[in-house]
């Protein structure tokens, strides 16, 4: 699935989610500041703030005024579940169709890993 057509704030949200799931930002640790993350990503700080706000609205991060944003307890499990559901709904059907077209089975994939 191509990211090119997705709004920038959603791509940034995906990058933040991936970093949390990958263990770069464990639960209880502080996320990079909006300005720092914006500079790293070459993005507008307002766009980063929108992505961070979505995490806050979902209860995945906790804001400590004057300190920063921290990954909330339970965020990894909730993110993983959300990402699995999204993968199965949005990406898997296309992958499964391509596998059928190529005559691939799941067992063929495990042999190449």
C-alpha atoms as a PDB file:
ATOM      1  CA  UNK A   1       0.000   0.000   0.000  1.00  0.00           C
ATOM      2  CA  UNK A   2       1.474   3.302  -1.064  1.00  0.00           C
ATOM      3  CA  UNK A   3       1.926   6.125   1.407  1.00  0.00           C
ATOM      4  CA  UNK A   4       2.125   8.752  -1.338  1.00  0.00           C
ATOM      5  CA  UNK A   5      -1.602   9.527  -1.342  1.00  0.00           C
ATOM      6  CA  UNK A   6      -1.940   9.685   2.433  1.00  0.00           C
ATOM      7  CA  UNK A   7      -2.028  13.053   4.198  1.00  0.00           C
ATOM      8  CA  UNK A   8       1.296  14.047   5.770  1.00  0.00           C
ATOM      9  CA  UNK A   9      -0.056  13.985   9.335  1.00  0.00           C
ATOM     10  CA  UNK A  10      -1.174  10.363   8.826  1.00  0.00           C
ATOM     11  CA  UNK A  11       2.260   9.396   7.492  1.00  0.00           C
ATOM     12  CA  UNK A  12       3.812  11.071  10.531  1.00  0.00           C
ATOM     13  CA  UNK A  13       1.371   9.269  12.801  1.00  0.00           C
ATOM     14  CA  UNK A  14       2.361   5.990  11.139  1.00  0.00           C
ATOM     15  CA  UNK A  15       6.045   6.772  11.742  1.00  0.00           C
ATOM     16  CA  UNK A  16       5.393   7.531  15.415  1.00  0.00           C
ATOM     17  CA  UNK A  17       3.305   4.366  15.814  1.00  0.00           C
ATOM     18  CA  UNK A  18       6.026   2.279  14.160  1.00  0.00           C
ATOM     19  CA  UNK A  19       8.663   3.753  16.492  1.00  0.00           C
ATOM     20  CA  UNK A  20       6.522   2.941  19.530  1.00  0.00           C
ATOM     21  CA  UNK A  21       5.807  -0.611  18.325  1.00  0.00           C
ATOM     22  CA  UNK A  22       9.476  -1.103  17.413  1.00  0.00           C
ATOM     23  CA  UNK A  23      10.521  -0.260  20.978  1.00  0.00           C
ATOM     24  CA  UNK A  24      12.203   3.055  20.187  1.00  0.00           C
ATOM     25  CA  UNK A  25       9.743   4.738  22.562  1.00  0.00           C
ATOM     26  CA  UNK A  26       8.745   2.262  25.310  1.00  0.00           C
ATOM     27  CA  UNK A  27       5.727   2.918  27.492  1.00  0.00           C
ATOM     28  CA  UNK A  28       6.438   5.642  30.032  1.00  0.00           C
ATOM     29  CA  UNK A  29       9.171   7.298  27.971  1.00  0.00           C
ATOM     30  CA  UNK A  30       9.012  10.762  26.498  1.00  0.00           C
ATOM     31  CA  UNK A  31       8.394  11.260  22.791  1.00  0.00           C
ATOM     32  CA  UNK A  32      10.528  13.754  20.879  1.00  0.00           C
ATOM     33  CA  UNK A  33       9.216  17.302  21.085  1.00  0.00           C
ATOM     34  CA  UNK A  34       6.998  18.517  18.261  1.00  0.00           C
ATOM     35  CA  UNK A  35       9.777  20.797  16.989  1.00  0.00           C
ATOM     36  CA  UNK A  36      12.437  18.093  17.200  1.00  0.00           C
ATOM     37  CA  UNK A  37      10.319  15.502  15.409  1.00  0.00           C
ATOM     38  CA  UNK A  38       9.286  18.066  12.787  1.00  0.00           C
ATOM     39  CA  UNK A  39      12.939  18.919  12.119  1.00  0.00           C
ATOM     40  CA  UNK A  40      13.887  15.216  11.874  1.00  0.00           C
ATOM     41  CA  UNK A  41      11.041  14.535   9.433  1.00  0.00           C
ATOM     42  CA  UNK A  42      11.312  17.764   7.451  1.00  0.00           C
ATOM     43  CA  UNK A  43       7.698  18.514   8.357  1.00  0.00           C
ATOM     44  CA  UNK A  44       5.761  21.530   9.538  1.00  0.00           C
ATOM     45  CA  UNK A  45       5.501  21.593  13.371  1.00  0.00           C
ATOM     46  CA  UNK A  46       1.733  22.200  13.097  1.00  0.00           C
ATOM     47  CA  UNK A  47       1.393  18.986  11.090  1.00  0.00           C
ATOM     48  CA  UNK A  48       3.389  17.073  13.703  1.00  0.00           C
ATOM     49  CA  UNK A  49       1.232  18.621  16.432  1.00  0.00           C
ATOM     50  CA  UNK A  50      -1.866  17.309  14.620  1.00  0.00           C
ATOM     51  CA  UNK A  51      -0.398  13.785  14.534  1.00  0.00           C
ATOM     52  CA  UNK A  52       0.548  13.987  18.226  1.00  0.00           C
ATOM     53  CA  UNK A  53      -2.915  15.327  19.069  1.00  0.00           C
ATOM     54  CA  UNK A  54      -4.478  12.245  17.530  1.00  0.00           C
ATOM     55  CA  UNK A  55      -2.357  10.029  19.792  1.00  0.00           C
ATOM     56  CA  UNK A  56      -3.411  12.131  22.757  1.00  0.00           C
ATOM     57  CA  UNK A  57      -7.097  11.904  21.763  1.00  0.00           C
ATOM     58  CA  UNK A  58      -6.751   8.108  21.555  1.00  0.00           C
ATOM     59  CA  UNK A  59      -5.162   7.952  25.011  1.00  0.00           C
ATOM     60  CA  UNK A  60      -1.900   6.589  23.630  1.00  0.00           C
ATOM     61  CA  UNK A  61       0.184   9.441  25.019  1.00  0.00           C
ATOM     62  CA  UNK A  62      -0.030  11.515  28.168  1.00  0.00           C
ATOM     63  CA  UNK A  63       0.894  15.188  28.216  1.00  0.00           C
ATOM     64  CA  UNK A  64       2.720  16.648  31.182  1.00  0.00           C
ATOM     65  CA  UNK A  65       2.474  20.406  30.748  1.00  0.00           C
ATOM     66  CA  UNK A  66       5.870  22.024  30.553  1.00  0.00           C
ATOM     67  CA  UNK A  67       7.610  18.636  30.410  1.00  0.00           C
ATOM     68  CA  UNK A  68       6.498  16.738  27.313  1.00  0.00           C
ATOM     69  CA  UNK A  69       4.476  13.840  25.926  1.00  0.00           C
ATOM     70  CA  UNK A  70       4.923  10.347  27.274  1.00  0.00           C
ATOM     71  CA  UNK A  71       3.840   7.002  25.850  1.00  0.00           C
ATOM     72  CA  UNK A  72       0.900   5.850  27.974  1.00  0.00           C
ATOM     73  CA  UNK A  73       0.722   2.522  29.759  1.00  0.00           C
ATOM     74  CA  UNK A  74      -1.012  -0.025  27.518  1.00  0.00           C
ATOM     75  CA  UNK A  75      -0.311   2.028  24.385  1.00  0.00           C
ATOM     76  CA  UNK A  76       1.726  -0.706  22.703  1.00  0.00           C
ATOM     77  CA  UNK A  77      -1.023  -3.330  23.021  1.00  0.00           C
ATOM     78  CA  UNK A  78      -3.688  -0.891  21.773  1.00  0.00           C
ATOM     79  CA  UNK A  79      -1.503   0.274  18.881  1.00  0.00           C
ATOM     80  CA  UNK A  80      -0.643  -3.289  17.896  1.00  0.00           C
ATOM     81  CA  UNK A  81      -4.325  -4.255  17.871  1.00  0.00           C
ATOM     82  CA  UNK A  82      -5.257  -1.185  15.823  1.00  0.00           C
ATOM     83  CA  UNK A  83      -2.445  -1.789  13.334  1.00  0.00           C
ATOM     84  CA  UNK A  84      -3.383  -5.478  12.977  1.00  0.00           C
ATOM     85  CA  UNK A  85      -7.005  -4.578  12.265  1.00  0.00           C
ATOM     86  CA  UNK A  86      -5.912  -1.954   9.740  1.00  0.00           C
ATOM     87  CA  UNK A  87      -3.543  -4.397   8.028  1.00  0.00           C
ATOM     88  CA  UNK A  88      -6.199  -7.093   7.752  1.00  0.00           C
ATOM     89  CA  UNK A  89      -8.834  -4.658   6.477  1.00  0.00           C
ATOM     90  CA  UNK A  90      -6.738  -2.476   4.145  1.00  0.00           C
ATOM     91  CA  UNK A  91      -3.553  -4.287   3.114  1.00  0.00           C
ATOM     92  CA  UNK A  92      -4.116  -8.033   3.411  1.00  0.00           C
ATOM     93  CA  UNK A  93      -6.878  -8.319   0.765  1.00  0.00           C
ATOM     94  CA  UNK A  94      -4.538  -6.834  -1.847  1.00  0.00           C
ATOM     95  CA  UNK A  95      -1.664  -9.095  -0.763  1.00  0.00           C
ATOM     96  CA  UNK A  96      -3.923 -12.170  -0.720  1.00  0.00           C
ATOM     97  CA  UNK A  97      -5.224 -11.358  -4.201  1.00  0.00           C
ATOM     98  CA  UNK A  98      -1.653 -11.003  -5.504  1.00  0.00           C
ATOM     99  CA  UNK A  99      -0.720 -14.327  -3.896  1.00  0.00           C
ATOM    100  CA  UNK A 100      -3.676 -16.031  -5.592  1.00  0.00           C
ATOM    101  CA  UNK A 101      -2.663 -14.510  -8.921  1.00  0.00           C
ATOM    102  CA  UNK A 102       0.874 -15.866  -8.495  1.00  0.00           C
ATOM    103  CA  UNK A 103      -0.262 -19.241  -7.169  1.00  0.00           C
ATOM    104  CA  UNK A 104       1.440 -18.697  -3.819  1.00  0.00           C
ATOM    105  CA  UNK A 105       0.330 -20.310  -0.563  1.00  0.00           C
ATOM    106  CA  UNK A 106       1.177 -19.204   2.960  1.00  0.00           C
ATOM    107  CA  UNK A 107       3.413 -22.264   3.287  1.00  0.00           C
ATOM    108  CA  UNK A 108       5.451 -20.987   0.302  1.00  0.00           C
ATOM    109  CA  UNK A 109       6.169 -17.796   2.208  1.00  0.00           C
ATOM    110  CA  UNK A 110       7.403 -19.521   5.347  1.00  0.00           C
ATOM    111  CA  UNK A 111       9.868 -21.544   3.273  1.00  0.00           C
ATOM    112  CA  UNK A 112      11.542 -18.379   1.980  1.00  0.00           C
ATOM    113  CA  UNK A 113      11.851 -16.639   5.347  1.00  0.00           C
END
